[in-house]
Amino acid sequence: MSVLLVFVYIYNVKHTGIRQRIIETASLLFYRNGYNSTGINEIISESGIAKATLYSHFKSKEDICLSYLQFKNTTFLEDIKVFCTSKPKGKPQLIAIFDFLLSFFKDKDFSGCWCIKTVSEIPKENVKIRAEIQRQKNVFIQWITDLVDDNVKDLNTSQKKTLANRIYLLYESAVAESYLHGSDWPIKEAKDLCSLIIK
């Protein structure tokens, strides 16, 4: 490998590392404290970087927020997929969605849904962030739809879509209500309801 290629490789690794540190730091702050309550200077301070470094990676707080949402969603989808597909095929894989949520709720940093928290803080005119949140929710619905398709065989396509939508609504309400009440009973009730609607 030439000296130039080595330099480019080291630069890219360092560049990616700093960007990722900013995203992970902002993610912790946005999720815990809220988007509006977290300032750029706090992200800079907690990341241990200079202001110029942050702005060399992100043009605005909105761009950091988009990366935060994408980071949280990617991690979430990877984790829930592994968790659910590790269960026996059929109804257990679908019910596992709520077992995953129970483990998520027990995490000391649980603060509800990062998407709903964020969209509640931004004006309706912020199309970019709203569109990203809608995209993430649609991806999640599609994943549930695929999970239903893989595990429920006696329904037609339309029925499977309806079932997936209902599971999604149960999950989302369980996230919000467990956070609101500071208790896992909404998750357990949602799991029981889900069990009743799955044949």
C-alpha atoms as a PDB file:
ATOM      1  CA  MET A   1       0.000   0.000   0.000  1.00  0.00           C
ATOM      2  CA  SER A   2       1.409   3.397  -0.980  1.00  0.00           C
ATOM      3  CA  VAL A   3       2.057   6.155   1.547  1.00  0.00           C
ATOM      4  CA  LEU A   4      -0.789   8.176   0.016  1.00  0.00           C
ATOM      5  CA  LEU A   5      -3.269   5.308   0.392  1.00  0.00           C
ATOM      6  CA  VAL A   6      -2.193   4.786   4.003  1.00  0.00           C
ATOM      7  CA  PHE A   7      -2.724   8.493   4.684  1.00  0.00           C
ATOM      8  CA  VAL A   8      -6.197   8.434   3.049  1.00  0.00           C
ATOM      9  CA  TYR A   9      -7.137   5.308   5.044  1.00  0.00           C
ATOM     10  CA  ILE A  10      -6.022   6.845   8.365  1.00  0.00           C
ATOM     11  CA  TYR A  11      -7.820  10.097   7.523  1.00  0.00           C
ATOM     12  CA  ASN A  12     -11.051   8.255   6.684  1.00  0.00           C
ATOM     13  CA  VAL A  13     -10.914   6.171   9.881  1.00  0.00           C
ATOM     14  CA  LYS A  14     -10.287   9.272  11.986  1.00  0.00           C
ATOM     15  CA  HIS A  15     -12.967  11.239  10.110  1.00  0.00           C
ATOM     16  CA  THR A  16     -15.545   8.461  10.573  1.00  0.00           C
ATOM     17  CA  GLY A  17     -14.589   8.047  14.236  1.00  0.00           C
ATOM     18  CA  ILE A  18     -15.117  11.708  15.072  1.00  0.00           C
ATOM     19  CA  ARG A  19     -18.405  11.866  13.160  1.00  0.00           C
ATOM     20  CA  GLN A  20     -19.643   8.752  14.940  1.00  0.00           C
ATOM     21  CA  ARG A  21     -18.637  10.163  18.324  1.00  0.00           C
ATOM     22  CA  ILE A  22     -20.665  13.302  17.616  1.00  0.00           C
ATOM     23  CA  ILE A  23     -23.691  11.231  16.557  1.00  0.00           C
ATOM     24  CA  GLU A  24     -23.516   8.960  19.603  1.00  0.00           C
ATOM     25  CA  THR A  25     -23.065  11.895  21.980  1.00  0.00           C
ATOM     26  CA  ALA A  26     -25.929  13.835  20.402  1.00  0.00           C
ATOM     27  CA  SER A  27     -28.068  10.690  20.508  1.00  0.00           C
ATOM     28  CA  LEU A  28     -27.611  10.326  24.258  1.00  0.00           C
ATOM     29  CA  LEU A  29     -28.387  13.999  24.840  1.00  0.00           C
ATOM     30  CA  PHE A  30     -31.346  14.297  22.441  1.00  0.00           C
ATOM     31  CA  TYR A  31     -32.938  11.094  23.695  1.00  0.00           C
ATOM     32  CA  ARG A  32     -32.454  11.864  27.393  1.00  0.00           C
ATOM     33  CA  ASN A  33     -32.995  15.633  27.466  1.00  0.00           C
ATOM     34  CA  GLY A  34     -34.950  16.375  24.291  1.00  0.00           C
ATOM     35  CA  TYR A  35     -34.041  18.030  20.996  1.00  0.00           C
ATOM     36  CA  ASN A  36     -34.888  21.611  21.976  1.00  0.00           C
ATOM     37  CA  SER A  37     -33.224  21.332  25.391  1.00  0.00           C
ATOM     38  CA  THR A  38     -29.926  20.171  23.906  1.00  0.00           C
ATOM     39  CA  GLY A  39     -27.732  22.904  22.505  1.00  0.00           C
ATOM     40  CA  ILE A  40     -24.907  22.699  19.997  1.00  0.00           C
ATOM     41  CA  ASN A  41     -22.410  23.835  22.646  1.00  0.00           C
ATOM     42  CA  GLU A  42     -23.438  20.964  24.926  1.00  0.00           C
ATOM     43  CA  ILE A  43     -22.889  18.458  22.110  1.00  0.00           C
ATOM     44  CA  ILE A  44     -19.471  19.999  21.412  1.00  0.00           C
ATOM     45  CA  SER A  45     -18.513  19.928  25.090  1.00  0.00           C
ATOM     46  CA  GLU A  46     -19.685  16.358  25.696  1.00  0.00           C
ATOM     47  CA  SER A  47     -18.011  15.151  22.487  1.00  0.00           C
ATOM     48  CA  GLY A  48     -14.707  16.759  23.475  1.00  0.00           C
ATOM     49  CA  ILE A  49     -14.267  18.484  20.127  1.00  0.00           C
ATOM     50  CA  ALA A  50     -13.892  22.004  18.755  1.00  0.00           C
ATOM     51  CA  LYS A  51     -16.822  23.877  17.241  1.00  0.00           C
ATOM     52  CA  ALA A  52     -15.065  23.931  13.868  1.00  0.00           C
ATOM     53  CA  THR A  53     -14.763  20.142  14.012  1.00  0.00           C
ATOM     54  CA  LEU A  54     -18.484  19.718  14.535  1.00  0.00           C
ATOM     55  CA  TYR A  55     -19.324  22.047  11.672  1.00  0.00           C
ATOM     56  CA  SER A  56     -16.887  20.242   9.385  1.00  0.00           C
ATOM     57  CA  HIS A  57     -19.100  17.155   9.806  1.00  0.00           C
ATOM     58  CA  PHE A  58     -22.582  18.699  10.158  1.00  0.00           C
ATOM     59  CA  LYS A  59     -23.984  21.880   8.659  1.00  0.00           C
ATOM     60  CA  SER A  60     -26.648  22.368  11.328  1.00  0.00           C
ATOM     61  CA  LYS A  61     -28.340  20.988  14.427  1.00  0.00           C
ATOM     62  CA  GLU A  62     -31.040  19.662  12.107  1.00  0.00           C
ATOM     63  CA  ASP A  63     -28.437  17.562  10.260  1.00  0.00           C
ATOM     64  CA  ILE A  64     -27.201  16.169  13.580  1.00  0.00           C
ATOM     65  CA  CYS A  65     -30.810  15.332  14.488  1.00  0.00           C
ATOM     66  CA  LEU A  66     -31.308  13.434  11.226  1.00  0.00           C
ATOM     67  CA  SER A  67     -28.164  11.403  11.909  1.00  0.00           C
ATOM     68  CA  TYR A  68     -29.346  10.777  15.470  1.00  0.00           C
ATOM     69  CA  LEU A  69     -32.702   9.470  14.266  1.00  0.00           C
ATOM     70  CA  GLN A  70     -31.019   7.225  11.693  1.00  0.00           C
ATOM     71  CA  PHE A  71     -28.510   5.919  14.259  1.00  0.00           C
ATOM     72  CA  LYS A  72     -31.230   5.093  16.791  1.00  0.00           C
ATOM     73  CA  ASN A  73     -33.407   3.436  14.170  1.00  0.00           C
ATOM     74  CA  THR A  74     -30.622   1.325  12.680  1.00  0.00           C
ATOM     75  CA  THR A  75     -29.604   0.053  16.110  1.00  0.00           C
ATOM     76  CA  PHE A  76     -33.224  -0.610  17.090  1.00  0.00           C
ATOM     77  CA  LEU A  77     -34.073  -2.551  13.928  1.00  0.00           C
ATOM     78  CA  GLU A  78     -30.939  -4.679  14.160  1.00  0.00           C
ATOM     79  CA  ASP A  79     -31.636  -5.536  17.800  1.00  0.00           C
ATOM     80  CA  ILE A  80     -35.353  -6.302  17.471  1.00  0.00           C
ATOM     81  CA  LYS A  81     -34.800  -8.448  14.363  1.00  0.00           C
ATOM     82  CA  VAL A  82     -32.186 -10.572  16.124  1.00  0.00           C
ATOM     83  CA  PHE A  83     -34.343 -10.845  19.244  1.00  0.00           C
ATOM     84  CA  CYS A  84     -37.580 -11.856  17.499  1.00  0.00           C
ATOM     85  CA  THR A  85     -36.119 -14.239  14.936  1.00  0.00           C
ATOM     86  CA  SER A  86     -34.263 -16.079  17.700  1.00  0.00           C
ATOM     87  CA  LYS A  87     -37.652 -17.309  18.970  1.00  0.00           C
ATOM     88  CA  PRO A  88     -39.496 -20.365  17.579  1.00  0.00           C
ATOM     89  CA  LYS A  89     -41.334 -19.798  14.287  1.00  0.00           C
ATOM     90  CA  GLY A  90     -44.993 -18.840  14.377  1.00  0.00           C
ATOM     91  CA  LYS A  91     -46.811 -16.854  17.050  1.00  0.00           C
ATOM     92  CA  PRO A  92     -43.787 -16.693  19.433  1.00  0.00           C
ATOM     93  CA  GLN A  93     -41.818 -14.530  16.961  1.00  0.00           C
ATOM     94  CA  LEU A  94     -44.654 -12.010  16.782  1.00  0.00           C
ATOM     95  CA  ILE A  95     -45.274 -11.913  20.527  1.00  0.00           C
ATOM     96  CA  ALA A  96     -41.525 -11.458  21.016  1.00  0.00           C
ATOM     97  CA  ILE A  97     -41.919  -7.865  19.789  1.00  0.00           C
ATOM     98  CA  PHE A  98     -43.407  -7.060  23.196  1.00  0.00           C
ATOM     99  CA  ASP A  99     -40.833  -9.094  25.106  1.00  0.00           C
ATOM    100  CA  PHE A 100     -38.203  -7.003  23.343  1.00  0.00           C
ATOM    101  CA  LEU A 101     -40.032  -3.852  24.423  1.00  0.00           C
ATOM    102  CA  LEU A 102     -40.098  -5.116  28.012  1.00  0.00           C
ATOM    103  CA  SER A 103     -36.312  -5.473  27.988  1.00  0.00           C
ATOM    104  CA  PHE A 104     -36.035  -2.010  26.384  1.00  0.00           C
ATOM    105  CA  PHE A 105     -38.287  -0.549  29.092  1.00  0.00           C
ATOM    106  CA  LYS A 106     -36.078  -2.016  31.844  1.00  0.00           C
ATOM    107  CA  ASP A 107     -33.045  -0.183  30.478  1.00  0.00           C
ATOM    108  CA  LYS A 108     -32.128   2.674  32.812  1.00  0.00           C
ATOM    109  CA  ASP A 109     -32.029   5.100  29.867  1.00  0.00           C
ATOM    110  CA  PHE A 110     -35.523   4.276  28.559  1.00  0.00           C
ATOM    111  CA  SER A 111     -37.233   7.523  27.573  1.00  0.00           C
ATOM    112  CA  GLY A 112     -39.980   6.336  25.260  1.00  0.00           C
ATOM    113  CA  CYS A 113     -39.934   6.641  21.464  1.00  0.00           C
ATOM    114  CA  TRP A 114     -37.167   8.865  20.081  1.00  0.00           C
ATOM    115  CA  CYS A 115     -39.287   9.606  16.999  1.00  0.00           C
ATOM    116  CA  ILE A 116     -42.362  10.777  18.896  1.00  0.00           C
ATOM    117  CA  LYS A 117     -40.223  12.767  21.340  1.00  0.00           C
ATOM    118  CA  THR A 118     -38.538  14.548  18.440  1.00  0.00           C
ATOM    119  CA  VAL A 119     -41.617  15.184  16.293  1.00  0.00           C
ATOM    120  CA  SER A 120     -43.393  16.687  19.316  1.00  0.00           C
ATOM    121  CA  GLU A 121     -40.622  19.297  19.591  1.00  0.00           C
ATOM    122  CA  ILE A 122     -40.312  20.427  15.998  1.00  0.00           C
ATOM    123  CA  PRO A 123     -42.652  22.756  14.073  1.00  0.00           C
ATOM    124  CA  LYS A 124     -44.883  21.243  11.385  1.00  0.00           C
ATOM    125  CA  GLU A 125     -42.874  23.168   8.821  1.00  0.00           C
ATOM    126  CA  ASN A 126     -39.783  21.057   9.492  1.00  0.00           C
ATOM    127  CA  VAL A 127     -40.379  18.724   6.573  1.00  0.00           C
ATOM    128  CA  LYS A 128     -36.967  17.010   6.615  1.00  0.00           C
ATOM    129  CA  ILE A 129     -37.138  15.667  10.166  1.00  0.00           C
ATOM    130  CA  ARG A 130     -40.850  14.830   9.911  1.00  0.00           C
ATOM    131  CA  ALA A 131     -40.227  12.932   6.650  1.00  0.00           C
ATOM    132  CA  GLU A 132     -37.387  10.937   8.221  1.00  0.00           C
ATOM    133  CA  ILE A 133     -39.576   9.963  11.178  1.00  0.00           C
ATOM    134  CA  GLN A 134     -42.422   8.916   8.876  1.00  0.00           C
ATOM    135  CA  ARG A 135     -39.956   6.900   6.790  1.00  0.00           C
ATOM    136  CA  GLN A 136     -38.698   5.088   9.898  1.00  0.00           C
ATOM    137  CA  LYS A 137     -42.213   4.253  11.056  1.00  0.00           C
ATOM    138  CA  ASN A 138     -43.099   2.924   7.598  1.00  0.00           C
ATOM    139  CA  VAL A 139     -39.950   0.779   7.577  1.00  0.00           C
ATOM    140  CA  PHE A 140     -40.953  -0.629  10.976  1.00  0.00           C
ATOM    141  CA  ILE A 141     -44.481  -1.388   9.744  1.00  0.00           C
ATOM    142  CA  GLN A 142     -43.023  -3.135   6.709  1.00  0.00           C
ATOM    143  CA  TRP A 143     -40.728  -5.201   8.943  1.00  0.00           C
ATOM    144  CA  ILE A 144     -43.705  -6.268  11.079  1.00  0.00           C
ATOM    145  CA  THR A 145     -45.604  -7.076   7.871  1.00  0.00           C
ATOM    146  CA  ASP A 146     -42.719  -9.276   6.708  1.00  0.00           C
ATOM    147  CA  LEU A 147     -42.599 -10.949  10.125  1.00  0.00           C
ATOM    148  CA  VAL A 148     -46.332 -11.651   9.917  1.00  0.00           C
ATOM    149  CA  ASP A 149     -45.903 -13.012   6.401  1.00  0.00           C
ATOM    150  CA  ASP A 150     -43.143 -15.367   7.584  1.00  0.00           C
ATOM    151  CA  ASN A 151     -45.075 -16.625  10.602  1.00  0.00           C
ATOM    152  CA  VAL A 152     -48.802 -16.577   9.774  1.00  0.00           C
ATOM    153  CA  LYS A 153     -49.853 -18.758   6.859  1.00  0.00           C
ATOM    154  CA  ASP A 154     -53.666 -18.886   6.976  1.00  0.00           C
ATOM    155  CA  LEU A 155     -54.322 -15.216   6.085  1.00  0.00           C
ATOM    156  CA  ASN A 156     -54.440 -13.489   2.722  1.00  0.00           C
ATOM    157  CA  THR A 157     -52.244 -10.496   1.892  1.00  0.00           C
ATOM    158  CA  SER A 158     -54.821  -7.921   2.951  1.00  0.00           C
ATOM    159  CA  GLN A 159     -55.460  -9.680   6.271  1.00  0.00           C
ATOM    160  CA  LYS A 160     -51.734  -9.910   6.964  1.00  0.00           C
ATOM    161  CA  LYS A 161     -51.357  -6.182   6.339  1.00  0.00           C
ATOM    162  CA  THR A 162     -54.230  -5.443   8.715  1.00  0.00           C
ATOM    163  CA  LEU A 163     -52.703  -7.678  11.388  1.00  0.00           C
ATOM    164  CA  ALA A 164     -49.304  -5.992  10.982  1.00  0.00           C
ATOM    165  CA  ASN A 165     -50.892  -2.541  11.337  1.00  0.00           C
ATOM    166  CA  ARG A 166     -52.668  -3.623  14.520  1.00  0.00           C
ATOM    167  CA  ILE A 167     -49.485  -5.057  16.024  1.00  0.00           C
ATOM    168  CA  TYR A 168     -47.698  -1.829  15.148  1.00  0.00           C
ATOM    169  CA  LEU A 169     -50.384   0.276  16.867  1.00  0.00           C
ATOM    170  CA  LEU A 170     -50.272  -1.929  19.962  1.00  0.00           C
ATOM    171  CA  TYR A 171     -46.486  -1.632  20.081  1.00  0.00           C
ATOM    172  CA  GLU A 172     -46.443   2.140  19.626  1.00  0.00           C
ATOM    173  CA  SER A 173     -49.121   2.721  22.267  1.00  0.00           C
ATOM    174  CA  ALA A 174     -47.268   0.414  24.659  1.00  0.00           C
ATOM    175  CA  VAL A 175     -44.065   2.431  24.207  1.00  0.00           C
ATOM    176  CA  ALA A 176     -45.820   5.730  24.880  1.00  0.00           C
ATOM    177  CA  GLU A 177     -47.944   4.565  27.796  1.00  0.00           C
ATOM    178  CA  SER A 178     -45.183   2.632  29.566  1.00  0.00           C
ATOM    179  CA  TYR A 179     -43.047   5.778  29.445  1.00  0.00           C
ATOM    180  CA  LEU A 180     -45.922   7.976  30.616  1.00  0.00           C
ATOM    181  CA  HIS A 181     -46.862   5.727  33.538  1.00  0.00           C
ATOM    182  CA  GLY A 182     -43.311   4.639  34.368  1.00  0.00           C
ATOM    183  CA  SER A 183     -44.610   1.085  34.470  1.00  0.00           C
ATOM    184  CA  ASP A 184     -44.489  -2.016  32.288  1.00  0.00           C
ATOM    185  CA  TRP A 185     -48.218  -2.852  32.594  1.00  0.00           C
ATOM    186  CA  PRO A 186     -49.103  -1.229  29.227  1.00  0.00           C
ATOM    187  CA  ILE A 187     -46.552  -3.488  27.526  1.00  0.00           C
ATOM    188  CA  LYS A 188     -47.945  -6.595  29.206  1.00  0.00           C
ATOM    189  CA  GLU A 189     -51.519  -5.645  28.306  1.00  0.00           C
ATOM    190  CA  ALA A 190     -50.503  -4.928  24.709  1.00  0.00           C
ATOM    191  CA  LYS A 191     -48.779  -8.316  24.548  1.00  0.00           C
ATOM    192  CA  ASP A 192     -51.949 -10.038  25.791  1.00  0.00           C
ATOM    193  CA  LEU A 193     -54.066  -8.186  23.216  1.00  0.00           C
ATOM    194  CA  CYS A 194     -51.615  -9.092  20.487  1.00  0.00           C
ATOM    195  CA  SER A 195     -51.826 -12.732  21.490  1.00  0.00           C
ATOM    196  CA  LEU A 196     -55.614 -12.603  21.151  1.00  0.00           C
ATOM    197  CA  ILE A 197     -55.569 -11.196  17.594  1.00  0.00           C
ATOM    198  CA  ILE A 198     -52.994 -13.668  16.256  1.00  0.00           C
ATOM    199  CA  LYS A 199     -54.563 -16.938  15.137  1.00  0.00           C
END
